Amino acid sequence: MANWNDPQPRQTGFGASPILNGEAMGKAGTYDQGLRKHMLSIYNYMASGVLLSGIVAMLFANSGMAAQVMATPLRWLIILAPLGFVMAMSFGLNRMRTSTLQALFWAFCTVMGLSMATIFLVYTGASIATTFFATAGAFAGLSLVGYTTKRDLSAMGSFMTMGLIGILIAMVINIFLQSSGLNLAISILGVLIFAGLTAWDTQRLKLEYAQVAGTEYAGKAVVMGALSLYLDFINMFQFLLSILGDRR
């Protein structure tokens, strides 16, 4: 016989309370909304950084200063400066304020633009534009895969990281060999490796949100996430350009 005076709510479904279900759904909705906002912030920073680098590179190349500067020893400062910014941001992450990290990110994108100005001296504008849009489309698709897949991509990410180290070693060796065949192989592998890293980094950043949500580190996580995706995009673009680009 039913006890109509029972103050406990009737259970439905798999024995879960409707009230608890409502609370869980509310929390899940709040979490999803926060995750979307977090990832959107990362993509906005990343896209703005790429745009800034492109504008700086084009202006520097068209001014004629790029050809002059890159013919002097000063070119090594421009080439190595982005690496210095990445190291400073990575190792000084815990000590820096979010505003400091943001300033370093924009400075990094600016210096990266200076170092990339040479592509406007080597390749035609049409091939640069075509490769850029091809990279943007591939990046969007790969990032979507990383965001939506249920498969754990951490093993693939580790494999791609090891492959990246191998490519760097091969690039150093090819400085002395000057082999066009090895250069082509490096470019093809580079595109594949950064394609994989794009999907993995997206999934990693998505999962990272659960740890940083509501903490003071959240702002820093956005900047560092944007830096990771920026590097994936730029490197994939440069390797693809060396394959598809038409030289002047």
C-alpha atoms as a PDB file:
ATOM      1  CA  MET A   1       0.000   0.000   0.000  1.00  0.00           C
ATOM      2  CA  ALA A   2       1.310   3.423  -0.845  1.00  0.00           C
ATOM      3  CA  ASN A   3       2.262   5.633   2.063  1.00  0.00           C
ATOM      4  CA  TRP A   4       0.832   9.037   1.043  1.00  0.00           C
ATOM      5  CA  ASN A   5       2.342  10.675   4.123  1.00  0.00           C
ATOM      6  CA  ASP A   6       5.875   9.703   3.170  1.00  0.00           C
ATOM      7  CA  PRO A   7       7.805  13.006   2.946  1.00  0.00           C
ATOM      8  CA  GLN A   8      10.463  11.503   0.702  1.00  0.00           C
ATOM      9  CA  PRO A   9      10.089  12.270  -3.037  1.00  0.00           C
ATOM     10  CA  ARG A  10       9.216   9.384  -5.261  1.00  0.00           C
ATOM     11  CA  GLN A  11      12.199   8.028  -7.226  1.00  0.00           C
ATOM     12  CA  THR A  12      12.011   7.785 -10.988  1.00  0.00           C
ATOM     13  CA  GLY A  13      14.081   6.253 -13.736  1.00  0.00           C
ATOM     14  CA  PHE A  14      17.054   4.394 -12.331  1.00  0.00           C
ATOM     15  CA  GLY A  15      16.191   5.273  -8.739  1.00  0.00           C
ATOM     16  CA  ALA A  16      17.420   8.847  -8.961  1.00  0.00           C
ATOM     17  CA  SER A  17      15.557  11.664  -7.268  1.00  0.00           C
ATOM     18  CA  PRO A  18      13.949  14.189  -9.648  1.00  0.00           C
ATOM     19  CA  ILE A  19      15.263  16.966  -7.421  1.00  0.00           C
ATOM     20  CA  LEU A  20      18.774  15.588  -7.503  1.00  0.00           C
ATOM     21  CA  ASN A  21      18.484  15.061 -11.244  1.00  0.00           C
ATOM     22  CA  GLY A  22      17.516  18.699 -11.634  1.00  0.00           C
ATOM     23  CA  GLU A  23      20.465  19.840  -9.539  1.00  0.00           C
ATOM     24  CA  ALA A  24      22.848  17.626 -11.500  1.00  0.00           C
ATOM     25  CA  MET A  25      21.500  18.924 -14.799  1.00  0.00           C
ATOM     26  CA  GLY A  26      21.867  22.478 -13.570  1.00  0.00           C
ATOM     27  CA  LYS A  27      25.471  21.883 -12.560  1.00  0.00           C
ATOM     28  CA  ALA A  28      26.205  20.156 -15.858  1.00  0.00           C
ATOM     29  CA  GLY A  29      24.687  23.058 -17.765  1.00  0.00           C
ATOM     30  CA  THR A  30      26.768  25.554 -15.799  1.00  0.00           C
ATOM     31  CA  TYR A  31      29.906  23.498 -16.404  1.00  0.00           C
ATOM     32  CA  ASP A  32      29.249  23.223 -20.158  1.00  0.00           C
ATOM     33  CA  GLN A  33      28.595  26.950 -20.379  1.00  0.00           C
ATOM     34  CA  GLY A  34      31.834  27.699 -18.537  1.00  0.00           C
ATOM     35  CA  LEU A  35      33.747  25.256 -20.742  1.00  0.00           C
ATOM     36  CA  ARG A  36      32.451  26.867 -23.924  1.00  0.00           C
ATOM     37  CA  LYS A  37      33.388  30.304 -22.627  1.00  0.00           C
ATOM     38  CA  HIS A  38      36.844  29.065 -21.637  1.00  0.00           C
ATOM     39  CA  MET A  39      37.558  27.455 -25.019  1.00  0.00           C
ATOM     40  CA  LEU A  40      36.133  30.443 -26.901  1.00  0.00           C
ATOM     41  CA  SER A  41      38.524  32.721 -25.003  1.00  0.00           C
ATOM     42  CA  ILE A  42      41.435  30.479 -26.006  1.00  0.00           C
ATOM     43  CA  TYR A  43      40.403  30.510 -29.668  1.00  0.00           C
ATOM     44  CA  ASN A  44      39.909  34.293 -29.620  1.00  0.00           C
ATOM     45  CA  TYR A  45      43.395  34.838 -28.200  1.00  0.00           C
ATOM     46  CA  MET A  46      44.907  32.371 -30.644  1.00  0.00           C
ATOM     47  CA  ALA A  47      43.155  33.846 -33.705  1.00  0.00           C
ATOM     48  CA  SER A  48      44.035  37.402 -32.657  1.00  0.00           C
ATOM     49  CA  GLY A  49      47.655  36.364 -32.211  1.00  0.00           C
ATOM     50  CA  VAL A  50      47.801  34.804 -35.669  1.00  0.00           C
ATOM     51  CA  LEU A  51      46.223  37.929 -37.162  1.00  0.00           C
ATOM     52  CA  LEU A  52      48.723  40.179 -35.375  1.00  0.00           C
ATOM     53  CA  SER A  53      51.664  38.084 -36.580  1.00  0.00           C
ATOM     54  CA  GLY A  54      50.373  38.141 -40.146  1.00  0.00           C
ATOM     55  CA  ILE A  55      49.929  41.909 -40.175  1.00  0.00           C
ATOM     56  CA  VAL A  56      53.386  42.511 -38.676  1.00  0.00           C
ATOM     57  CA  ALA A  57      55.004  40.090 -41.136  1.00  0.00           C
ATOM     58  CA  MET A  58      53.339  41.689 -44.158  1.00  0.00           C
ATOM     59  CA  LEU A  59      54.140  45.252 -43.084  1.00  0.00           C
ATOM     60  CA  PHE A  60      57.742  44.382 -42.220  1.00  0.00           C
ATOM     61  CA  ALA A  61      58.258  42.653 -45.571  1.00  0.00           C
ATOM     62  CA  ASN A  62      56.569  45.363 -47.653  1.00  0.00           C
ATOM     63  CA  SER A  63      58.546  48.119 -45.941  1.00  0.00           C
ATOM     64  CA  GLY A  64      61.767  46.708 -47.363  1.00  0.00           C
ATOM     65  CA  MET A  65      63.299  46.490 -43.891  1.00  0.00           C
ATOM     66  CA  ALA A  66      62.942  42.707 -43.709  1.00  0.00           C
ATOM     67  CA  ALA A  67      65.259  42.136 -46.674  1.00  0.00           C
ATOM     68  CA  GLN A  68      67.843  44.491 -45.177  1.00  0.00           C
ATOM     69  CA  VAL A  69      67.689  43.215 -41.602  1.00  0.00           C
ATOM     70  CA  MET A  70      67.678  39.543 -42.552  1.00  0.00           C
ATOM     71  CA  ALA A  71      70.943  40.099 -44.425  1.00  0.00           C
ATOM     72  CA  THR A  72      72.683  41.094 -41.189  1.00  0.00           C
ATOM     73  CA  PRO A  73      73.571  39.163 -37.999  1.00  0.00           C
ATOM     74  CA  LEU A  74      70.536  40.845 -36.418  1.00  0.00           C
ATOM     75  CA  ARG A  75      68.424  38.184 -38.121  1.00  0.00           C
ATOM     76  CA  TRP A  76      69.478  35.659 -35.476  1.00  0.00           C
ATOM     77  CA  LEU A  77      68.017  37.852 -32.760  1.00  0.00           C
ATOM     78  CA  ILE A  78      64.708  38.011 -34.626  1.00  0.00           C
ATOM     79  CA  ILE A  79      64.716  34.282 -35.337  1.00  0.00           C
ATOM     80  CA  LEU A  80      65.556  33.218 -31.768  1.00  0.00           C
ATOM     81  CA  ALA A  81      63.521  35.848 -29.900  1.00  0.00           C
ATOM     82  CA  PRO A  82      60.199  33.915 -30.155  1.00  0.00           C
ATOM     83  CA  LEU A  83      61.834  30.912 -28.487  1.00  0.00           C
ATOM     84  CA  GLY A  84      62.977  33.172 -25.665  1.00  0.00           C
ATOM     85  CA  PHE A  85      59.422  34.430 -25.109  1.00  0.00           C
ATOM     86  CA  VAL A  86      58.025  30.877 -25.057  1.00  0.00           C
ATOM     87  CA  MET A  87      60.615  29.798 -22.484  1.00  0.00           C
ATOM     88  CA  ALA A  88      59.971  32.869 -20.341  1.00  0.00           C
ATOM     89  CA  MET A  89      56.228  32.266 -20.365  1.00  0.00           C
ATOM     90  CA  SER A  90      56.588  28.557 -19.628  1.00  0.00           C
ATOM     91  CA  PHE A  91      59.148  28.729 -16.819  1.00  0.00           C
ATOM     92  CA  GLY A  92      57.825  31.943 -15.276  1.00  0.00           C
ATOM     93  CA  LEU A  93      54.169  30.924 -15.416  1.00  0.00           C
ATOM     94  CA  ASN A  94      53.646  30.460 -11.676  1.00  0.00           C
ATOM     95  CA  ARG A  95      55.382  33.704 -10.723  1.00  0.00           C
ATOM     96  CA  MET A  96      53.757  35.951 -13.316  1.00  0.00           C
ATOM     97  CA  ARG A  97      50.467  37.762 -13.117  1.00  0.00           C
ATOM     98  CA  THR A  98      47.878  37.080 -15.776  1.00  0.00           C
ATOM     99  CA  SER A  99      48.332  40.598 -17.181  1.00  0.00           C
ATOM    100  CA  THR A 100      52.095  40.026 -17.503  1.00  0.00           C
ATOM    101  CA  LEU A 101      51.530  36.742 -19.287  1.00  0.00           C
ATOM    102  CA  GLN A 102      49.090  38.421 -21.673  1.00  0.00           C
ATOM    103  CA  ALA A 103      51.604  41.163 -22.470  1.00  0.00           C
ATOM    104  CA  LEU A 104      54.279  38.555 -23.194  1.00  0.00           C
ATOM    105  CA  PHE A 105      51.879  36.690 -25.472  1.00  0.00           C
ATOM    106  CA  TRP A 106      51.245  39.781 -27.611  1.00  0.00           C
ATOM    107  CA  ALA A 107      54.969  40.574 -27.648  1.00  0.00           C
ATOM    108  CA  PHE A 108      55.669  37.009 -28.741  1.00  0.00           C
ATOM    109  CA  CYS A 109      53.135  37.267 -31.591  1.00  0.00           C
ATOM    110  CA  THR A 110      54.717  40.539 -32.713  1.00  0.00           C
ATOM    111  CA  VAL A 111      58.249  39.144 -32.747  1.00  0.00           C
ATOM    112  CA  MET A 112      56.987  35.999 -34.434  1.00  0.00           C
ATOM    113  CA  GLY A 113      55.553  38.211 -37.154  1.00  0.00           C
ATOM    114  CA  LEU A 114      58.955  39.806 -37.693  1.00  0.00           C
ATOM    115  CA  SER A 115      60.594  36.401 -38.030  1.00  0.00           C
ATOM    116  CA  MET A 116      57.924  35.230 -40.485  1.00  0.00           C
ATOM    117  CA  ALA A 117      58.317  38.239 -42.777  1.00  0.00           C
ATOM    118  CA  THR A 118      60.747  36.267 -44.937  1.00  0.00           C
ATOM    119  CA  ILE A 119      57.929  34.118 -46.314  1.00  0.00           C
ATOM    120  CA  PHE A 120      56.643  37.195 -48.166  1.00  0.00           C
ATOM    121  CA  LEU A 121      60.086  37.529 -49.735  1.00  0.00           C
ATOM    122  CA  VAL A 122      60.276  33.870 -50.773  1.00  0.00           C
ATOM    123  CA  TYR A 123      56.720  32.900 -51.738  1.00  0.00           C
ATOM    124  CA  THR A 124      54.036  34.573 -53.836  1.00  0.00           C
ATOM    125  CA  GLY A 125      51.178  36.310 -52.071  1.00  0.00           C
ATOM    126  CA  ALA A 126      48.603  34.074 -53.767  1.00  0.00           C
ATOM    127  CA  SER A 127      50.240  30.856 -52.562  1.00  0.00           C
ATOM    128  CA  ILE A 128      50.599  32.260 -49.037  1.00  0.00           C
ATOM    129  CA  ALA A 129      46.899  33.134 -48.951  1.00  0.00           C
ATOM    130  CA  THR A 130      45.868  29.744 -50.381  1.00  0.00           C
ATOM    131  CA  THR A 131      48.017  27.853 -47.884  1.00  0.00           C
ATOM    132  CA  PHE A 132      46.763  29.992 -45.012  1.00  0.00           C
ATOM    133  CA  PHE A 133      43.108  29.224 -45.731  1.00  0.00           C
ATOM    134  CA  ALA A 134      43.918  25.544 -46.282  1.00  0.00           C
ATOM    135  CA  THR A 135      45.658  25.480 -42.901  1.00  0.00           C
ATOM    136  CA  ALA A 136      42.769  27.318 -41.245  1.00  0.00           C
ATOM    137  CA  GLY A 137      40.280  24.775 -42.586  1.00  0.00           C
ATOM    138  CA  ALA A 138      42.410  21.822 -41.524  1.00  0.00           C
ATOM    139  CA  PHE A 139      43.022  23.350 -38.109  1.00  0.00           C
ATOM    140  CA  ALA A 140      39.304  23.926 -37.529  1.00  0.00           C
ATOM    141  CA  GLY A 141      38.467  20.346 -38.475  1.00  0.00           C
ATOM    142  CA  LEU A 142      41.237  18.816 -36.384  1.00  0.00           C
ATOM    143  CA  SER A 143      40.411  20.972 -33.383  1.00  0.00           C
ATOM    144  CA  LEU A 144      36.752  19.941 -33.680  1.00  0.00           C
ATOM    145  CA  VAL A 145      37.823  16.290 -33.671  1.00  0.00           C
ATOM    146  CA  GLY A 146      39.914  16.850 -30.559  1.00  0.00           C
ATOM    147  CA  TYR A 147      37.043  18.617 -28.826  1.00  0.00           C
ATOM    148  CA  THR A 148      34.320  16.094 -29.617  1.00  0.00           C
ATOM    149  CA  THR A 149      36.079  12.713 -29.643  1.00  0.00           C
ATOM    150  CA  LYS A 150      35.601  10.372 -26.697  1.00  0.00           C
ATOM    151  CA  ARG A 151      38.883   8.639 -27.423  1.00  0.00           C
ATOM    152  CA  ASP A 152      41.857   9.450 -25.206  1.00  0.00           C
ATOM    153  CA  LEU A 153      44.468  11.122 -27.430  1.00  0.00           C
ATOM    154  CA  SER A 154      47.228  11.348 -24.815  1.00  0.00           C
ATOM    155  CA  ALA A 155      49.154   8.394 -26.279  1.00  0.00           C
ATOM    156  CA  MET A 156      49.023   9.988 -29.733  1.00  0.00           C
ATOM    157  CA  GLY A 157      50.150  13.294 -28.242  1.00  0.00           C
ATOM    158  CA  SER A 158      53.198  11.656 -26.665  1.00  0.00           C
ATOM    159  CA  PHE A 159      54.030   9.957 -29.970  1.00  0.00           C
ATOM    160  CA  MET A 160      53.699  13.232 -31.879  1.00  0.00           C
ATOM    161  CA  THR A 161      55.920  15.002 -29.345  1.00  0.00           C
ATOM    162  CA  MET A 162      58.657  12.410 -29.880  1.00  0.00           C
ATOM    163  CA  GLY A 163      58.219  12.826 -33.624  1.00  0.00           C
ATOM    164  CA  LEU A 164      58.642  16.579 -33.232  1.00  0.00           C
ATOM    165  CA  ILE A 165      61.969  16.049 -31.499  1.00  0.00           C
ATOM    166  CA  GLY A 166      63.038  13.819 -34.385  1.00  0.00           C
ATOM    167  CA  ILE A 167      62.065  16.483 -36.913  1.00  0.00           C
ATOM    168  CA  LEU A 168      64.078  19.136 -35.075  1.00  0.00           C
ATOM    169  CA  ILE A 169      67.140  16.889 -35.188  1.00  0.00           C
ATOM    170  CA  ALA A 170      66.582  16.223 -38.899  1.00  0.00           C
ATOM    171  CA  MET A 171      66.255  19.956 -39.583  1.00  0.00           C
ATOM    172  CA  VAL A 172      69.584  20.634 -37.878  1.00  0.00           C
ATOM    173  CA  ILE A 173      71.241  17.876 -39.904  1.00  0.00           C
ATOM    174  CA  ASN A 174      69.758  19.223 -43.142  1.00  0.00           C
ATOM    175  CA  ILE A 175      71.310  22.616 -42.475  1.00  0.00           C
ATOM    176  CA  PHE A 176      74.601  20.971 -43.425  1.00  0.00           C
ATOM    177  CA  LEU A 177      73.300  18.466 -45.988  1.00  0.00           C
ATOM    178  CA  GLN A 178      71.001  20.876 -47.859  1.00  0.00           C
ATOM    179  CA  SER A 179      69.038  17.910 -49.206  1.00  0.00           C
ATOM    180  CA  SER A 180      65.826  18.834 -51.036  1.00  0.00           C
ATOM    181  CA  GLY A 181      64.476  15.308 -50.580  1.00  0.00           C
ATOM    182  CA  LEU A 182      65.049  15.379 -46.827  1.00  0.00           C
ATOM    183  CA  ASN A 183      63.522  18.848 -46.680  1.00  0.00           C
ATOM    184  CA  LEU A 184      60.361  17.581 -48.398  1.00  0.00           C
ATOM    185  CA  ALA A 185      60.153  14.597 -46.037  1.00  0.00           C
ATOM    186  CA  ILE A 186      60.547  16.910 -43.031  1.00  0.00           C
ATOM    187  CA  SER A 187      57.773  19.168 -44.322  1.00  0.00           C
ATOM    188  CA  ILE A 188      55.340  16.276 -44.876  1.00  0.00           C
ATOM    189  CA  LEU A 189      56.054  14.797 -41.455  1.00  0.00           C
ATOM    190  CA  GLY A 190      55.807  18.261 -39.930  1.00  0.00           C
ATOM    191  CA  VAL A 191      52.299  18.756 -41.302  1.00  0.00           C
ATOM    192  CA  LEU A 192      51.191  15.347 -39.992  1.00  0.00           C
ATOM    193  CA  ILE A 193      52.759  15.855 -36.567  1.00  0.00           C
ATOM    194  CA  PHE A 194      51.236  19.274 -35.966  1.00  0.00           C
ATOM    195  CA  ALA A 195      47.908  18.034 -37.274  1.00  0.00           C
ATOM    196  CA  GLY A 196      47.982  15.389 -34.561  1.00  0.00           C
ATOM    197  CA  LEU A 197      49.159  17.877 -31.955  1.00  0.00           C
ATOM    198  CA  THR A 198      46.265  20.190 -32.831  1.00  0.00           C
ATOM    199  CA  ALA A 199      43.702  17.513 -31.989  1.00  0.00           C
ATOM    200  CA  TRP A 200      45.568  16.432 -28.861  1.00  0.00           C
ATOM    201  CA  ASP A 201      46.132  19.960 -27.549  1.00  0.00           C
ATOM    202  CA  THR A 202      42.447  20.764 -28.022  1.00  0.00           C
ATOM    203  CA  GLN A 203      41.406  17.727 -26.009  1.00  0.00           C
ATOM    204  CA  ARG A 204      44.040  18.488 -23.360  1.00  0.00           C
ATOM    205  CA  LEU A 205      42.821  22.068 -22.976  1.00  0.00           C
ATOM    206  CA  LYS A 206      39.220  20.888 -22.758  1.00  0.00           C
ATOM    207  CA  LEU A 207      40.062  18.452 -19.962  1.00  0.00           C
ATOM    208  CA  GLU A 208      42.231  21.035 -18.223  1.00  0.00           C
ATOM    209  CA  TYR A 209      39.218  23.262 -17.653  1.00  0.00           C
ATOM    210  CA  ALA A 210      37.941  20.975 -14.881  1.00  0.00           C
ATOM    211  CA  GLN A 211      41.116  21.729 -12.910  1.00  0.00           C
ATOM    212  CA  VAL A 212      41.312  25.487 -13.459  1.00  0.00           C
ATOM    213  CA  ALA A 213      37.623  26.457 -13.423  1.00  0.00           C
ATOM    214  CA  GLY A 214      36.965  29.048 -10.743  1.00  0.00           C
ATOM    215  CA  THR A 215      40.632  29.441  -9.810  1.00  0.00           C
ATOM    216  CA  GLU A 216      42.994  32.363 -10.312  1.00  0.00           C
ATOM    217  CA  TYR A 217      44.935  30.191 -12.757  1.00  0.00           C
ATOM    218  CA  ALA A 218      42.037  30.173 -15.237  1.00  0.00           C
ATOM    219  CA  GLY A 219      43.204  33.370 -16.953  1.00  0.00           C
ATOM    220  CA  LYS A 220      46.729  32.033 -17.283  1.00  0.00           C
ATOM    221  CA  ALA A 221      45.380  28.762 -18.681  1.00  0.00           C
ATOM    222  CA  VAL A 222      43.614  30.711 -21.440  1.00  0.00           C
ATOM    223  CA  VAL A 223      46.828  32.463 -22.492  1.00  0.00           C
ATOM    224  CA  MET A 224      48.975  29.318 -22.394  1.00  0.00           C
ATOM    225  CA  GLY A 225      46.274  27.370 -24.224  1.00  0.00           C
ATOM    226  CA  ALA A 226      46.202  30.022 -26.933  1.00  0.00           C
ATOM    227  CA  LEU A 227      49.997  29.810 -27.173  1.00  0.00           C
ATOM    228  CA  SER A 228      49.846  26.036 -27.694  1.00  0.00           C
ATOM    229  CA  LEU A 229      47.238  26.247 -30.452  1.00  0.00           C
ATOM    230  CA  TYR A 230      49.027  29.232 -32.023  1.00  0.00           C
ATOM    231  CA  LEU A 231      52.239  27.201 -32.316  1.00  0.00           C
ATOM    232  CA  ASP A 232      50.320  24.246 -33.782  1.00  0.00           C
ATOM    233  CA  PHE A 233      48.697  26.475 -36.406  1.00  0.00           C
ATOM    234  CA  ILE A 234      51.804  28.458 -37.375  1.00  0.00           C
ATOM    235  CA  ASN A 235      54.048  25.419 -37.665  1.00  0.00           C
ATOM    236  CA  MET A 236      51.483  23.478 -39.694  1.00  0.00           C
ATOM    237  CA  PHE A 237      51.119  26.528 -41.955  1.00  0.00           C
ATOM    238  CA  GLN A 238      54.870  26.900 -42.481  1.00  0.00           C
ATOM    239  CA  PHE A 239      55.428  23.223 -43.234  1.00  0.00           C
ATOM    240  CA  LEU A 240      52.471  23.167 -45.615  1.00  0.00           C
ATOM    241  CA  LEU A 241      53.701  26.333 -47.315  1.00  0.00           C
ATOM    242  CA  SER A 242      57.070  24.730 -47.997  1.00  0.00           C
ATOM    243  CA  ILE A 243      55.177  21.979 -49.864  1.00  0.00           C
ATOM    244  CA  LEU A 244      52.471  23.949 -51.671  1.00  0.00           C
ATOM    245  CA  GLY A 245      53.986  27.437 -51.898  1.00  0.00           C
ATOM    246  CA  ASP A 246      55.046  28.958 -55.213  1.00  0.00           C
ATOM    247  CA  ARG A 247      58.415  30.642 -54.969  1.00  0.00           C
ATOM    248  CA  ARG A 248      59.009  34.060 -56.462  1.00  0.00           C
END
